C-alpha atoms as a PDB file:
ATOM      1  CA  GLN A   1      -4.575 125.867  64.453  1.00  0.00           C
ATOM      2  CA  THR A   2      -6.300 129.186  63.889  1.00  0.00           C
ATOM      3  CA  VAL A   3      -5.468 132.162  66.110  1.00  0.00           C
ATOM      4  CA  LEU A   4      -7.715 135.222  66.411  1.00  0.00           C
ATOM      5  CA  SER A   5      -5.787 138.445  66.754  1.00  0.00           C
ATOM      6  CA  LYS A   6      -7.482 141.880  66.897  1.00  0.00           C
ATOM      7  CA  GLY A   7     -10.547 140.563  65.053  1.00  0.00           C
ATOM      8  CA  VAL A   8      -8.517 139.108  62.169  1.00  0.00           C
ATOM      9  CA  ALA A   9      -8.196 135.360  61.677  1.00  0.00           C
ATOM     10  CA  GLN A  10      -4.627 134.254  61.293  1.00  0.00           C
ATOM     11  CA  VAL A  11      -3.885 130.807  59.981  1.00  0.00           C
ATOM     12  CA  SER A  12      -0.828 128.990  61.275  1.00  0.00           C
ATOM     13  CA  TYR A  13       1.567 127.949  58.554  1.00  0.00           C
ATOM     14  CA  ASP A  14       3.619 124.755  58.425  1.00  0.00           C
ATOM     15  CA  PRO A  15       6.518 125.197  55.960  1.00  0.00           C
ATOM     16  CA  LEU A  16       6.296 121.557  54.865  1.00  0.00           C
ATOM     17  CA  ARG A  17       2.507 121.279  54.578  1.00  0.00           C
ATOM     18  CA  GLY A  18       1.318 124.807  53.921  1.00  0.00           C
ATOM     19  CA  PRO A  19      -1.469 126.547  55.798  1.00  0.00           C
ATOM     20  CA  ILE A  20      -2.601 124.251  58.607  1.00  0.00           C
ATOM     21  CA  GLY A  21      -6.279 125.070  58.186  1.00  0.00           C
ATOM     22  CA  MET A  22      -6.087 123.954  54.555  1.00  0.00           C
ATOM     23  CA  GLN A  23      -4.425 120.578  55.092  1.00  0.00           C
ATOM     24  CA  PRO A  24      -7.472 118.337  54.717  1.00  0.00           C
ATOM     25  CA  ALA A  25      -8.519 119.864  51.375  1.00  0.00           C
ATOM     26  CA  VAL A  26      -4.938 119.951  50.112  1.00  0.00           C
ATOM     27  CA  VAL A  27      -4.356 116.352  51.174  1.00  0.00           C
ATOM     28  CA  ARG A  28      -7.592 115.230  49.491  1.00  0.00           C
ATOM     29  CA  LYS A  29      -6.655 117.022  46.286  1.00  0.00           C
ATOM     30  CA  ALA A  30      -3.136 115.527  46.313  1.00  0.00           C
ATOM     31  CA  THR A  31      -4.562 112.060  46.985  1.00  0.00           C
ATOM     32  CA  LEU A  32      -6.997 112.417  44.093  1.00  0.00           C
ATOM     33  CA  ALA A  33      -4.195 113.565  41.789  1.00  0.00           C
ATOM     34  CA  LEU A  34      -2.045 110.639  42.909  1.00  0.00           C
ATOM     35  CA  TRP A  35      -4.889 108.183  42.380  1.00  0.00           C
ATOM     36  CA  ASP A  36      -5.580 109.592  38.898  1.00  0.00           C
ATOM     37  CA  ARG A  37      -1.914 109.077  38.020  1.00  0.00           C
ATOM     38  CA  VAL A  38      -1.964 105.543  39.473  1.00  0.00           C
ATOM     39  CA  LEU A  39      -5.068 104.637  37.446  1.00  0.00           C
ATOM     40  CA  GLU A  40      -3.434 106.012  34.317  1.00  0.00           C
ATOM     41  CA  LEU A  41      -0.381 103.796  34.919  1.00  0.00           C
ATOM     42  CA  CYS A  42      -2.599 100.766  35.516  1.00  0.00           C
ATOM     43  CA  GLU A  43      -4.501 101.391  32.288  1.00  0.00           C
ATOM     44  CA  GLU A  44      -1.123 101.370  30.525  1.00  0.00           C
ATOM     45  CA  LYS A  45      -0.265  98.099  32.382  1.00  0.00           C
ATOM     46  CA  ARG A  46       2.637  99.895  34.109  1.00  0.00           C
ATOM     47  CA  TYR A  47       1.953  98.245  37.464  1.00  0.00           C
ATOM     48  CA  LEU A  48       5.506  98.481  38.766  1.00  0.00           C
ATOM     49  CA  GLU A  49       5.490 102.269  38.388  1.00  0.00           C
ATOM     50  CA  ALA A  50       2.026 102.510  39.975  1.00  0.00           C
ATOM     51  CA  TYR A  51       3.128 100.503  42.984  1.00  0.00           C
ATOM     52  CA  LYS A  52       6.365 102.442  43.334  1.00  0.00           C
ATOM     53  CA  LEU A  53       4.317 105.649  43.497  1.00  0.00           C
ATOM     54  CA  VAL A  54       1.954 104.487  46.231  1.00  0.00           C
ATOM     55  CA  ILE A  55       4.545 102.567  48.241  1.00  0.00           C
ATOM     56  CA  ALA A  56       6.509 105.807  48.549  1.00  0.00           C
ATOM     57  CA  GLU A  57       3.477 107.620  49.983  1.00  0.00           C
ATOM     58  CA  PRO A  58       2.994 107.530  53.766  1.00  0.00           C
ATOM     59  CA  GLU A  59      -0.796 107.299  53.428  1.00  0.00           C
ATOM     60  CA  GLU A  60      -2.018 103.683  53.420  1.00  0.00           C
ATOM     61  CA  ALA A  61      -5.416 104.300  51.801  1.00  0.00           C
ATOM     62  CA  CYS A  62      -4.052 104.718  48.283  1.00  0.00           C
ATOM     63  CA  LEU A  63      -1.894 101.596  48.614  1.00  0.00           C
ATOM     64  CA  LEU A  64      -4.836  99.518  49.794  1.00  0.00           C
ATOM     65  CA  LYS A  65      -7.015 100.969  47.038  1.00  0.00           C
ATOM     66  CA  LEU A  66      -4.420  99.992  44.419  1.00  0.00           C
ATOM     67  CA  MET A  67      -4.097  96.510  45.906  1.00  0.00           C
ATOM     68  CA  GLN A  68      -7.870  96.161  45.622  1.00  0.00           C
ATOM     69  CA  HIS A  69      -7.845  97.536  42.067  1.00  0.00           C
ATOM     70  CA  THR A  70      -5.165  95.169  40.736  1.00  0.00           C
ATOM     71  CA  GLY A  71      -5.500  92.169  43.012  1.00  0.00           C
ATOM     72  CA  PRO A  72      -2.319  90.361  44.019  1.00  0.00           C
ATOM     73  CA  ILE A  73       0.218  90.862  41.223  1.00  0.00           C
ATOM     74  CA  VAL A  74       3.487  90.022  42.948  1.00  0.00           C
ATOM     75  CA  GLU A  75       4.995  88.885  39.646  1.00  0.00           C
ATOM     76  CA  HIS A  76       4.649  92.398  38.169  1.00  0.00           C
ATOM     77  CA  LEU A  77       6.826  93.964  40.862  1.00  0.00           C
ATOM     78  CA  ASP A  78      10.586  93.890  41.138  1.00  0.00           C
ATOM     79  CA  ALA A  79      12.382  92.494  44.191  1.00  0.00           C
ATOM     80  CA  GLU A  80      12.830  95.912  45.803  1.00  0.00           C
ATOM     81  CA  SER A  81       9.174  96.892  45.357  1.00  0.00           C
ATOM     82  CA  ASN A  82       7.970  93.540  46.690  1.00  0.00           C
ATOM     83  CA  SER A  83      10.239  93.964  49.690  1.00  0.00           C
ATOM     84  CA  ARG A  84       9.009  97.509  50.354  1.00  0.00           C
ATOM     85  CA  LEU A  85       5.400  96.385  49.912  1.00  0.00           C
ATOM     86  CA  ILE A  86       5.871  93.527  52.379  1.00  0.00           C
ATOM     87  CA  ARG A  87       7.374  96.005  54.851  1.00  0.00           C
ATOM     88  CA  ARG A  88       4.331  98.302  54.437  1.00  0.00           C
ATOM     89  CA  LEU A  89       1.935  95.379  54.933  1.00  0.00           C
ATOM     90  CA  ILE A  90       3.790  94.386  58.097  1.00  0.00           C
ATOM     91  CA  HIS A  91       3.410  97.970  59.313  1.00  0.00           C
ATOM     92  CA  ILE A  92      -0.335  97.961  58.620  1.00  0.00           C
ATOM     93  CA  LEU A  93      -0.783  94.636  60.414  1.00  0.00           C
ATOM     94  CA  SER A  94       1.421  95.728  63.324  1.00  0.00           C
ATOM     95  CA  SER A  95      -0.147  99.111  63.915  1.00  0.00           C
ATOM     96  CA  PRO A  96      -1.139  99.048  67.593  1.00  0.00           C
ATOM     97  CA  SER A  97      -3.388 102.091  67.293  1.00  0.00           C
ATOM     98  CA  LYS A  98      -5.867 100.402  64.995  1.00  0.00           C
ATOM     99  CA  ASP A  99      -6.976  96.989  63.862  1.00  0.00           C
ATOM    100  CA  PRO A 100      -6.881  96.570  60.097  1.00  0.00           C
ATOM    101  CA  ALA A 101     -10.306  96.656  58.526  1.00  0.00           C
ATOM    102  CA  ASN A 102     -11.651  93.297  57.378  1.00  0.00           C
ATOM    103  CA  ALA A 103     -11.469  94.352  53.734  1.00  0.00           C
ATOM    104  CA  SER A 104      -7.835  95.329  54.248  1.00  0.00           C
ATOM    105  CA  LEU A 105      -7.090  91.963  55.819  1.00  0.00           C
ATOM    106  CA  ASP A 106      -8.491  90.150  52.792  1.00  0.00           C
ATOM    107  CA  LEU A 107      -6.279  92.227  50.499  1.00  0.00           C
ATOM    108  CA  ILE A 108      -3.202  91.843  52.688  1.00  0.00           C
ATOM    109  CA  PHE A 109      -3.676  88.101  53.159  1.00  0.00           C
ATOM    110  CA  GLY A 110      -4.179  87.629  49.400  1.00  0.00           C
ATOM    111  CA  TRP A 111      -0.920  89.430  48.675  1.00  0.00           C
ATOM    112  CA  LEU A 112       0.968  87.535  51.345  1.00  0.00           C
ATOM    113  CA  GLN A 113      -0.345  84.199  50.072  1.00  0.00           C
ATOM    114  CA  GLN A 114       0.740  85.022  46.535  1.00  0.00           C
ATOM    115  CA  ALA A 115       4.135  86.280  47.717  1.00  0.00           C
ATOM    116  CA  LEU A 116       4.698  83.051  49.627  1.00  0.00           C
ATOM    117  CA  SER A 117       3.528  80.923  46.677  1.00  0.00           C
ATOM    118  CA  ALA A 118       5.755  82.843  44.263  1.00  0.00           C
ATOM    119  CA  GLN A 119       8.619  82.343  46.721  1.00  0.00           C
ATOM    120  CA  ILE A 120       9.703  85.959  46.699  1.00  0.00           C
ATOM    121  CA  HIS A 121      12.644  86.670  48.954  1.00  0.00           C
ATOM    122  CA  PHE A 122      11.797  87.629  52.526  1.00  0.00           C
ATOM    123  CA  THR A 123      14.610  89.020  54.665  1.00  0.00           C
ATOM    124  CA  ALA A 124      15.121  87.438  58.086  1.00  0.00           C
ATOM    125  CA  SER A 125      13.752  90.568  59.767  1.00  0.00           C
ATOM    126  CA  GLN A 126      10.680  90.541  57.504  1.00  0.00           C
ATOM    127  CA  VAL A 127      10.014  86.908  58.435  1.00  0.00           C
ATOM    128  CA  GLU A 128      10.242  87.707  62.145  1.00  0.00           C
ATOM    129  CA  ASP A 129       8.243  90.943  61.917  1.00  0.00           C
ATOM    130  CA  LEU A 130       5.572  89.363  59.732  1.00  0.00           C
ATOM    131  CA  ALA A 131       5.229  86.357  62.038  1.00  0.00           C
ATOM    132  CA  SER A 132       4.869  88.729  64.989  1.00  0.00           C
ATOM    133  CA  ALA A 133       2.282  90.887  63.204  1.00  0.00           C
ATOM    134  CA  LEU A 134       0.268  87.849  62.136  1.00  0.00           C
ATOM    135  CA  GLN A 135       0.371  86.506  65.696  1.00  0.00           C
ATOM    136  CA  ARG A 136      -1.113  89.794  66.882  1.00  0.00           C
ATOM    137  CA  VAL A 137      -3.924  89.488  64.316  1.00  0.00           C
ATOM    138  CA  SER A 138      -4.580  85.810  65.109  1.00  0.00           C
ATOM    139  CA  ALA A 139      -4.614  86.257  68.896  1.00  0.00           C
ATOM    140  CA  ALA A 140      -7.820  85.133  70.610  1.00  0.00           C
ATOM    141  CA  GLN A 141      -8.231  88.551  72.271  1.00  0.00           C
ATOM    142  CA  SER A 142      -8.041  90.283  68.888  1.00  0.00           C
ATOM    143  CA  SER A 143     -11.186  92.081  67.759  1.00  0.00           C
ATOM    144  CA  ILE A 144     -10.720  90.571  64.291  1.00  0.00           C
ATOM    145  CA  PRO A 145     -13.375  88.039  63.156  1.00  0.00           C
ATOM    146  CA  ALA A 146     -12.613  84.353  63.775  1.00  0.00           C
ATOM    147  CA  GLN A 147     -12.243  83.526  60.067  1.00  0.00           C
ATOM    148  CA  ALA A 148      -9.565  86.209  59.596  1.00  0.00           C
ATOM    149  CA  ARG A 149      -7.781  85.053  62.765  1.00  0.00           C
ATOM    150  CA  ALA A 150      -7.751  81.493  61.396  1.00  0.00           C
ATOM    151  CA  GLU A 151      -6.367  82.689  58.056  1.00  0.00           C
ATOM    152  CA  ALA A 152      -3.650  84.656  59.897  1.00  0.00           C
ATOM    153  CA  ALA A 153      -2.745  81.505  61.823  1.00  0.00           C
ATOM    154  CA  GLN A 154      -2.383  79.562  58.558  1.00  0.00           C
ATOM    155  CA  LEU A 155      -0.144  82.299  57.165  1.00  0.00           C
ATOM    156  CA  ILE A 156       2.013  82.177  60.305  1.00  0.00           C
ATOM    157  CA  THR A 157       2.750  78.513  59.613  1.00  0.00           C
ATOM    158  CA  ARG A 158       3.913  79.332  56.089  1.00  0.00           C
ATOM    159  CA  VAL A 159       5.936  82.357  57.210  1.00  0.00           C
ATOM    160  CA  VAL A 160       7.652  80.509  60.062  1.00  0.00           C
ATOM    161  CA  ALA A 161       8.650  77.776  57.572  1.00  0.00           C
ATOM    162  CA  LEU A 162      10.817  80.426  55.862  1.00  0.00           C
ATOM    163  CA  ARG A 163      13.088  80.466  58.922  1.00  0.00           C
ATOM    164  CA  ARG A 164      14.590  77.137  57.871  1.00  0.00           C
END
């Protein structure tokens, strides 16, 4: 938000984010620095640390990029990181403001399939929230392609089985 005052441009300042007019460039630079650090950790096979870094970030793009870079590696994460990752994936699937991109769905479904196969612990609330999110994706009125809706429906069956 830029305000003109007596011919001089004044830039609004957010104490948490810095100058508002600079946010996009600052965010891009921070994201690039984060991604460089994540790649460095992956090269050193320190996947747990890489995932902890991106899971802690509110931006989803870096998380999805890392998931694409490593593929599903549930076994390299500890219980807490797997749990936090599952929670983030539920959030991405549940986001009412946007449908997940098809590429994101492939990544998310791959991770969920591996997590279910590896029998990682899902909390009761994660089971319910994940089932609900997958139902949203698999709904006939969803704008998601039929193949992805069918895959979501198959995942629902596996997730609901965890209730027992």
